[in-house]
Amino acid sequence: MIILVLGTPKSGKSLMAEELSLALNDSEKYYLATMRVMDQEGALRVEKHRKQREGKGFVTIERGREITGAVKDMANPEEATVLLECVSNLVGNELFETPVRSRMDADEMSAERFADEMADEIGKLARAVHHLVIVSSIYPLSDPGYDASTIRYVTYLHAVNKRLKALADEVRELRKH
């Protein structure tokens, strides 16, 4: 089963994804963390999430890219629930840390092709585990404050989220009011 939890920043999507993961009652629970800590704010977010998961039985695997490689770090993936946190970080890592992709402009790799590649990788992970709970962020497609790089990121993330909605058995959307 694949559950996708989408939400705006600070909407409670991470907590909901944890609760959904725990309710699946698999004996093994993995938290697949994709965030690269770049500053103090990032470090504080990571610490907040660690405290939030404390005592819940999750084993954390940190993997900023190539997430299917995390399966080798799992004892019995076919019996496990994996919480993938967060696709928005994964997309940023793939766009800006992969040498070939970071040099490309939007014309060289369409958002659709990128989304297909990301959905394929996430689909492979889903097929290797019992349950996959995916967290991703929602941002407006346009904002006057966006520069060209941010527009590209949001466009590509939107395309990935669209593919994940089609892949998921269940979709939950949260918006901060």
C-alpha atoms as a PDB file:
ATOM      1  CA  MET A   1       0.000   0.000   0.000  1.00  0.00           C
ATOM      2  CA  ILE A   2       1.162   3.508  -0.840  1.00  0.00           C
ATOM      3  CA  ILE A   3      -0.149   6.490   1.107  1.00  0.00           C
ATOM      4  CA  LEU A   4       0.752  10.009  -0.027  1.00  0.00           C
ATOM      5  CA  VAL A   5       0.533  12.859   2.468  1.00  0.00           C
ATOM      6  CA  LEU A   6       0.703  16.270   0.809  1.00  0.00           C
ATOM      7  CA  GLY A   7       0.707  19.547   2.647  1.00  0.00           C
ATOM      8  CA  THR A   8       1.730  23.135   2.783  1.00  0.00           C
ATOM      9  CA  PRO A   9       4.650  24.030   5.060  1.00  0.00           C
ATOM     10  CA  LYS A  10       3.847  23.599   8.765  1.00  0.00           C
ATOM     11  CA  SER A  11       0.483  21.925   8.022  1.00  0.00           C
ATOM     12  CA  GLY A  12       1.132  18.844  10.177  1.00  0.00           C
ATOM     13  CA  LYS A  13       1.860  16.500   7.275  1.00  0.00           C
ATOM     14  CA  SER A  14       4.849  14.866   8.998  1.00  0.00           C
ATOM     15  CA  LEU A  15       2.903  14.074  12.149  1.00  0.00           C
ATOM     16  CA  MET A  16      -0.007  12.694  10.120  1.00  0.00           C
ATOM     17  CA  ALA A  17       2.391  10.504   8.102  1.00  0.00           C
ATOM     18  CA  GLU A  18       3.911   9.137  11.312  1.00  0.00           C
ATOM     19  CA  GLU A  19       0.467   8.329  12.703  1.00  0.00           C
ATOM     20  CA  LEU A  20      -0.554   6.596   9.466  1.00  0.00           C
ATOM     21  CA  SER A  21       2.712   4.612   9.468  1.00  0.00           C
ATOM     22  CA  LEU A  22       2.193   3.452  13.029  1.00  0.00           C
ATOM     23  CA  ALA A  23      -1.411   2.440  12.318  1.00  0.00           C
ATOM     24  CA  LEU A  24      -0.208   0.013   9.623  1.00  0.00           C
ATOM     25  CA  ASN A  25       1.194  -2.171  12.439  1.00  0.00           C
ATOM     26  CA  ASP A  26       4.208  -3.628  10.639  1.00  0.00           C
ATOM     27  CA  SER A  27       6.848  -4.919  13.034  1.00  0.00           C
ATOM     28  CA  GLU A  28       9.563  -2.961  11.229  1.00  0.00           C
ATOM     29  CA  LYS A  29       9.254   0.786  10.682  1.00  0.00           C
ATOM     30  CA  TYR A  30      11.812   2.863   8.818  1.00  0.00           C
ATOM     31  CA  TYR A  31      12.050   6.596   8.517  1.00  0.00           C
ATOM     32  CA  LEU A  32      13.797   7.388   5.233  1.00  0.00           C
ATOM     33  CA  ALA A  33      15.098  10.928   5.719  1.00  0.00           C
ATOM     34  CA  THR A  34      16.060  12.892   2.599  1.00  0.00           C
ATOM     35  CA  MET A  35      16.843  16.331   4.039  1.00  0.00           C
ATOM     36  CA  ARG A  36      20.357  17.662   3.732  1.00  0.00           C
ATOM     37  CA  VAL A  37      21.118  19.887   6.712  1.00  0.00           C
ATOM     38  CA  MET A  38      22.542  23.137   5.354  1.00  0.00           C
ATOM     39  CA  ASP A  39      22.013  25.585   8.212  1.00  0.00           C
ATOM     40  CA  GLN A  40      20.850  26.042  11.793  1.00  0.00           C
ATOM     41  CA  GLU A  41      17.182  26.169  10.763  1.00  0.00           C
ATOM     42  CA  GLY A  42      17.554  22.807   9.020  1.00  0.00           C
ATOM     43  CA  ALA A  43      19.288  21.314  12.037  1.00  0.00           C
ATOM     44  CA  LEU A  44      16.431  22.495  14.253  1.00  0.00           C
ATOM     45  CA  ARG A  45      13.838  20.916  11.918  1.00  0.00           C
ATOM     46  CA  VAL A  46      15.704  17.607  11.965  1.00  0.00           C
ATOM     47  CA  GLU A  47      15.919  17.674  15.753  1.00  0.00           C
ATOM     48  CA  LYS A  48      12.188  18.490  16.031  1.00  0.00           C
ATOM     49  CA  HIS A  49      11.319  15.516  13.816  1.00  0.00           C
ATOM     50  CA  ARG A  50      13.649  13.187  15.744  1.00  0.00           C
ATOM     51  CA  LYS A  51      12.013  14.143  19.036  1.00  0.00           C
ATOM     52  CA  GLN A  52       8.578  13.743  17.461  1.00  0.00           C
ATOM     53  CA  ARG A  53       9.455  10.140  16.421  1.00  0.00           C
ATOM     54  CA  GLU A  54      11.223   9.247  19.660  1.00  0.00           C
ATOM     55  CA  GLY A  55       9.968   6.017  21.184  1.00  0.00           C
ATOM     56  CA  LYS A  56       7.774   5.151  18.197  1.00  0.00           C
ATOM     57  CA  GLY A  57      10.009   2.367  16.901  1.00  0.00           C
ATOM     58  CA  PHE A  58      11.300   3.962  13.708  1.00  0.00           C
ATOM     59  CA  VAL A  59      14.786   3.137  12.474  1.00  0.00           C
ATOM     60  CA  THR A  60      16.162   6.169  10.651  1.00  0.00           C
ATOM     61  CA  ILE A  61      17.967   5.811   7.339  1.00  0.00           C
ATOM     62  CA  GLU A  62      19.396   9.008   5.867  1.00  0.00           C
ATOM     63  CA  ARG A  63      19.540   9.101   2.101  1.00  0.00           C
ATOM     64  CA  GLY A  64      19.400  12.351   0.161  1.00  0.00           C
ATOM     65  CA  ARG A  65      19.326  10.687  -3.268  1.00  0.00           C
ATOM     66  CA  GLU A  66      18.999   7.235  -4.826  1.00  0.00           C
ATOM     67  CA  ILE A  67      16.471   6.174  -2.222  1.00  0.00           C
ATOM     68  CA  THR A  68      16.052   2.619  -3.493  1.00  0.00           C
ATOM     69  CA  GLY A  69      19.540   1.956  -2.110  1.00  0.00           C
ATOM     70  CA  ALA A  70      18.036   2.230   1.380  1.00  0.00           C
ATOM     71  CA  VAL A  71      16.404  -1.197   0.957  1.00  0.00           C
ATOM     72  CA  LYS A  72      19.770  -2.883   1.555  1.00  0.00           C
ATOM     73  CA  ASP A  73      19.826  -1.283   5.028  1.00  0.00           C
ATOM     74  CA  MET A  74      16.508  -2.918   6.002  1.00  0.00           C
ATOM     75  CA  ALA A  75      16.325  -6.317   7.689  1.00  0.00           C
ATOM     76  CA  ASN A  76      13.024  -7.450   6.103  1.00  0.00           C
ATOM     77  CA  PRO A  77      11.827  -4.749   3.707  1.00  0.00           C
ATOM     78  CA  GLU A  78       8.947  -6.869   2.420  1.00  0.00           C
ATOM     79  CA  GLU A  79       7.503  -6.794   5.954  1.00  0.00           C
ATOM     80  CA  ALA A  80       8.263  -3.143   6.702  1.00  0.00           C
ATOM     81  CA  THR A  81       6.526   0.202   6.626  1.00  0.00           C
ATOM     82  CA  VAL A  82       8.742   2.943   5.243  1.00  0.00           C
ATOM     83  CA  LEU A  83       8.007   6.609   5.842  1.00  0.00           C
ATOM     84  CA  LEU A  84       9.674   8.640   3.063  1.00  0.00           C
ATOM     85  CA  GLU A  85      10.227  12.159   4.401  1.00  0.00           C
ATOM     86  CA  CYS A  86      10.197  14.259   2.229  1.00  0.00           C
ATOM     87  CA  VAL A  87       9.838  14.224  -1.553  1.00  0.00           C
ATOM     88  CA  SER A  88      10.246  18.005  -1.703  1.00  0.00           C
ATOM     89  CA  ASN A  89      13.771  17.603  -0.274  1.00  0.00           C
ATOM     90  CA  LEU A  90      14.452  14.675  -2.597  1.00  0.00           C
ATOM     91  CA  VAL A  91      13.459  16.742  -5.639  1.00  0.00           C
ATOM     92  CA  GLY A  92      15.712  19.598  -4.537  1.00  0.00           C
ATOM     93  CA  ASN A  93      18.600  17.202  -3.953  1.00  0.00           C
ATOM     94  CA  GLU A  94      18.147  15.626  -7.386  1.00  0.00           C
ATOM     95  CA  LEU A  95      17.842  18.974  -9.167  1.00  0.00           C
ATOM     96  CA  PHE A  96      20.621  20.863  -7.449  1.00  0.00           C
ATOM     97  CA  GLU A  97      23.112  18.219  -6.264  1.00  0.00           C
ATOM     98  CA  THR A  98      23.212  15.983  -9.332  1.00  0.00           C
ATOM     99  CA  PRO A  99      25.921  17.520 -11.550  1.00  0.00           C
ATOM    100  CA  VAL A 100      24.179  16.827 -14.861  1.00  0.00           C
ATOM    101  CA  ARG A 101      20.760  18.027 -13.677  1.00  0.00           C
ATOM    102  CA  SER A 102      22.037  21.116 -11.912  1.00  0.00           C
ATOM    103  CA  ARG A 103      23.641  22.313 -15.175  1.00  0.00           C
ATOM    104  CA  MET A 104      20.519  21.698 -17.250  1.00  0.00           C
ATOM    105  CA  ASP A 105      18.009  24.358 -17.994  1.00  0.00           C
ATOM    106  CA  ALA A 106      14.319  23.566 -18.090  1.00  0.00           C
ATOM    107  CA  ASP A 107      14.397  22.870 -21.840  1.00  0.00           C
ATOM    108  CA  GLU A 108      16.983  20.089 -21.518  1.00  0.00           C
ATOM    109  CA  MET A 109      14.933  17.987 -19.112  1.00  0.00           C
ATOM    110  CA  SER A 110      11.225  18.536 -19.012  1.00  0.00           C
ATOM    111  CA  ALA A 111       9.371  18.491 -15.731  1.00  0.00           C
ATOM    112  CA  GLU A 112       7.394  15.533 -17.062  1.00  0.00           C
ATOM    113  CA  ARG A 113      10.489  13.462 -17.800  1.00  0.00           C
ATOM    114  CA  PHE A 114      11.993  14.339 -14.425  1.00  0.00           C
ATOM    115  CA  ALA A 115       8.697  13.442 -12.698  1.00  0.00           C
ATOM    116  CA  ASP A 116       8.586  10.109 -14.523  1.00  0.00           C
ATOM    117  CA  GLU A 117      12.114   9.292 -13.318  1.00  0.00           C
ATOM    118  CA  MET A 118      11.335  10.261  -9.726  1.00  0.00           C
ATOM    119  CA  ALA A 119       8.026   8.359  -9.700  1.00  0.00           C
ATOM    120  CA  ASP A 120       9.799   5.323 -11.147  1.00  0.00           C
ATOM    121  CA  GLU A 121      12.388   5.375  -8.349  1.00  0.00           C
ATOM    122  CA  ILE A 122       9.743   5.850  -5.660  1.00  0.00           C
ATOM    123  CA  GLY A 123       7.672   3.086  -7.269  1.00  0.00           C
ATOM    124  CA  LYS A 124      10.649   0.710  -7.061  1.00  0.00           C
ATOM    125  CA  LEU A 125      10.963   1.492  -3.363  1.00  0.00           C
ATOM    126  CA  ALA A 126       7.221   0.887  -2.901  1.00  0.00           C
ATOM    127  CA  ARG A 127       7.449  -2.515  -4.580  1.00  0.00           C
ATOM    128  CA  ALA A 128      10.334  -3.546  -2.307  1.00  0.00           C
ATOM    129  CA  VAL A 129       8.517  -2.787   0.966  1.00  0.00           C
ATOM    130  CA  HIS A 130       5.188  -3.755   2.521  1.00  0.00           C
ATOM    131  CA  HIS A 131       3.848  -0.222   3.011  1.00  0.00           C
ATOM    132  CA  LEU A 132       5.182   3.137   1.860  1.00  0.00           C
ATOM    133  CA  VAL A 133       3.997   6.404   3.369  1.00  0.00           C
ATOM    134  CA  ILE A 134       5.238   9.384   1.359  1.00  0.00           C
ATOM    135  CA  VAL A 135       5.394  12.988   2.534  1.00  0.00           C
ATOM    136  CA  SER A 136       5.623  15.867   0.070  1.00  0.00           C
ATOM    137  CA  SER A 137       5.057  19.594   0.114  1.00  0.00           C
ATOM    138  CA  ILE A 138       2.664  21.794  -1.803  1.00  0.00           C
ATOM    139  CA  TYR A 139       3.780  25.249  -2.937  1.00  0.00           C
ATOM    140  CA  PRO A 140       1.952  27.690  -5.209  1.00  0.00           C
ATOM    141  CA  LEU A 141       3.070  27.382  -8.827  1.00  0.00           C
ATOM    142  CA  SER A 142       3.671  31.108  -9.033  1.00  0.00           C
ATOM    143  CA  ASP A 143       4.755  33.729  -6.569  1.00  0.00           C
ATOM    144  CA  PRO A 144       6.188  37.176  -7.299  1.00  0.00           C
ATOM    145  CA  GLY A 145       9.154  36.381  -5.043  1.00  0.00           C
ATOM    146  CA  TYR A 146      10.244  33.296  -7.014  1.00  0.00           C
ATOM    147  CA  ASP A 147      13.474  33.474  -8.982  1.00  0.00           C
ATOM    148  CA  ALA A 148      14.056  31.260 -12.053  1.00  0.00           C
ATOM    149  CA  SER A 149      15.597  28.449  -9.989  1.00  0.00           C
ATOM    150  CA  THR A 150      12.672  28.391  -7.557  1.00  0.00           C
ATOM    151  CA  ILE A 151      10.151  28.423 -10.413  1.00  0.00           C
ATOM    152  CA  ARG A 152      11.920  25.406 -11.909  1.00  0.00           C
ATOM    153  CA  TYR A 153      11.957  23.592  -8.549  1.00  0.00           C
ATOM    154  CA  VAL A 154       8.261  24.228  -7.832  1.00  0.00           C
ATOM    155  CA  THR A 155       7.273  23.231 -11.386  1.00  0.00           C
ATOM    156  CA  TYR A 156       9.208  19.968 -11.132  1.00  0.00           C
ATOM    157  CA  LEU A 157       7.901  19.209  -7.615  1.00  0.00           C
ATOM    158  CA  HIS A 158       4.339  19.823  -8.796  1.00  0.00           C
ATOM    159  CA  ALA A 159       4.871  17.342 -11.657  1.00  0.00           C
ATOM    160  CA  VAL A 160       6.327  14.737  -9.261  1.00  0.00           C
ATOM    161  CA  ASN A 161       3.409  15.180  -6.837  1.00  0.00           C
ATOM    162  CA  LYS A 162       0.972  14.671  -9.720  1.00  0.00           C
ATOM    163  CA  ARG A 163       2.681  11.348 -10.604  1.00  0.00           C
ATOM    164  CA  LEU A 164       2.685  10.270  -6.956  1.00  0.00           C
ATOM    165  CA  LYS A 165      -1.044  10.975  -6.644  1.00  0.00           C
ATOM    166  CA  ALA A 166      -1.606   8.546  -9.518  1.00  0.00           C
ATOM    167  CA  LEU A 167       0.713   5.964  -7.918  1.00  0.00           C
ATOM    168  CA  ALA A 168      -0.816   6.160  -4.420  1.00  0.00           C
ATOM    169  CA  ASP A 169      -3.609   3.996  -3.058  1.00  0.00           C
ATOM    170  CA  GLU A 170      -4.605   6.822  -0.704  1.00  0.00           C
ATOM    171  CA  VAL A 171      -3.911  10.571  -0.773  1.00  0.00           C
ATOM    172  CA  ARG A 172      -4.262  12.952   2.163  1.00  0.00           C
ATOM    173  CA  GLU A 173      -3.915  16.710   1.646  1.00  0.00           C
ATOM    174  CA  LEU A 174      -3.347  19.183   4.456  1.00  0.00           C
ATOM    175  CA  ARG A 175      -3.254  22.943   4.232  1.00  0.00           C
ATOM    176  CA  LYS A 176      -2.263  25.348   6.972  1.00  0.00           C
ATOM    177  CA  HIS A 177      -5.001  27.868   7.541  1.00  0.00           C
END
